[in-house]
Amino acid sequence: MSSHHANIATSERLQAVKAVLEDGQWHTAFEIINAAKTTSPGSAVSELRSNGFTVLSQCTRQKNGRSLWKYRLVSKKVMVAVK
């Protein structure tokens, strides 16, 4: 079964999520949803990883029993020009 992911060069959705994460700080899924206008930040993070970005994820359990997901971009994809 093959996996499909969007290309960062052509995906406005991934570019928007990357723009939120580029400050290197932790961002909750809710913050990403609001800032990038996406409905599935976890999927977008997975696709960023498939595009060569390193994104850390952290899940903590809230007092109400719900999970709180946070994400942080730690390394950016390096584009190398081939001569």
Protein backbone atom coordinates (compact mmCIF):
# COMPACT_ATOMS: atom_id res chain seq x y z
CA MET A 1 0.00 0.00 0.00
CA SER A 2 1.58 3.26 -1.05
CA SER A 3 1.46 6.47 0.89
CA HIS A 4 0.70 9.83 -0.68
CA HIS A 5 1.92 13.16 0.55
CA ALA A 6 1.71 16.65 -0.89
CA ASN A 7 4.79 18.39 -2.23
CA ILE A 8 5.81 21.43 -0.15
CA ALA A 9 6.65 23.34 -3.35
CA THR A 10 3.07 23.19 -4.61
CA SER A 11 0.97 22.82 -1.45
CA GLU A 12 -0.27 26.08 0.07
CA ARG A 13 -1.59 24.04 3.03
CA LEU A 14 1.86 22.64 3.87
CA GLN A 15 3.50 26.01 3.29
CA ALA A 16 1.06 27.59 5.75
CA VAL A 17 1.75 24.95 8.42
CA LYS A 18 5.51 25.29 7.88
CA ALA A 19 5.21 29.07 8.26
CA VAL A 20 3.60 28.60 11.69
CA LEU A 21 6.33 26.19 12.82
CA GLU A 22 9.32 28.10 11.41
CA ASP A 23 9.86 30.04 14.63
CA GLY A 24 11.15 26.83 16.25
CA GLN A 25 8.73 27.10 19.18
CA TRP A 26 6.22 24.48 20.33
CA HIS A 27 2.75 24.98 18.84
CA THR A 28 -0.41 23.13 19.82
CA ALA A 29 -2.55 21.46 17.19
CA PHE A 30 -5.21 24.09 17.94
CA GLU A 31 -2.75 26.93 17.26
CA ILE A 32 -1.80 25.35 13.94
CA ILE A 33 -5.46 24.85 13.00
CA ASN A 34 -6.19 28.53 13.65
CA ALA A 35 -3.05 30.06 12.17
CA ALA A 36 -2.70 27.84 9.09
CA LYS A 37 -6.42 27.33 8.48
CA THR A 38 -6.01 23.57 8.28
CA THR A 39 -8.24 20.88 9.76
CA SER A 40 -5.63 18.18 10.23
CA PRO A 41 -2.35 19.43 11.68
CA GLY A 42 -1.10 15.94 12.49
CA SER A 43 -1.43 14.89 8.85
CA ALA A 44 0.25 18.08 7.67
CA VAL A 45 3.16 17.47 10.06
CA SER A 46 3.49 13.93 8.71
CA GLU A 47 3.59 15.31 5.18
CA LEU A 48 6.22 17.89 6.16
CA ARG A 49 8.33 15.01 7.48
CA SER A 50 7.85 13.19 4.17
CA ASN A 51 9.14 16.34 2.46
CA GLY A 52 12.38 16.19 4.44
CA PHE A 53 11.61 18.39 7.46
CA THR A 54 12.26 17.30 11.03
CA VAL A 55 9.27 18.06 13.23
CA LEU A 56 9.12 16.92 16.85
CA SER A 57 5.80 16.00 18.39
CA GLN A 58 4.83 15.85 22.04
CA CYS A 59 1.63 14.56 23.58
CA THR A 60 0.63 15.36 27.14
CA ARG A 61 -2.46 14.19 29.01
CA GLN A 62 -4.63 17.02 30.34
CA LYS A 63 -6.39 16.92 33.72
CA ASN A 64 -9.65 16.27 31.88
CA GLY A 65 -8.11 13.16 30.29
CA ARG A 66 -7.79 14.64 26.79
CA SER A 67 -4.55 14.62 24.82
CA LEU A 68 -2.77 17.85 23.97
CA TRP A 69 -0.51 17.57 20.92
CA LYS A 70 2.32 20.03 20.30
CA TYR A 71 4.69 20.28 17.35
CA ARG A 72 8.04 21.98 16.76
CA LEU A 73 10.11 22.32 13.60
CA VAL A 74 13.74 21.59 14.45
CA SER A 75 15.40 21.38 11.06
CA LYS A 76 14.51 22.79 7.73
CA LYS A 77 14.90 21.02 4.45
CA VAL A 78 18.01 22.24 2.68
CA MET A 79 17.68 22.82 -1.04
CA VAL A 80 20.91 22.26 -2.93
CA ALA A 81 21.32 23.52 -6.47
CA VAL A 82 22.87 20.99 -8.79
CA LYS A 83 25.24 22.41 -11.40
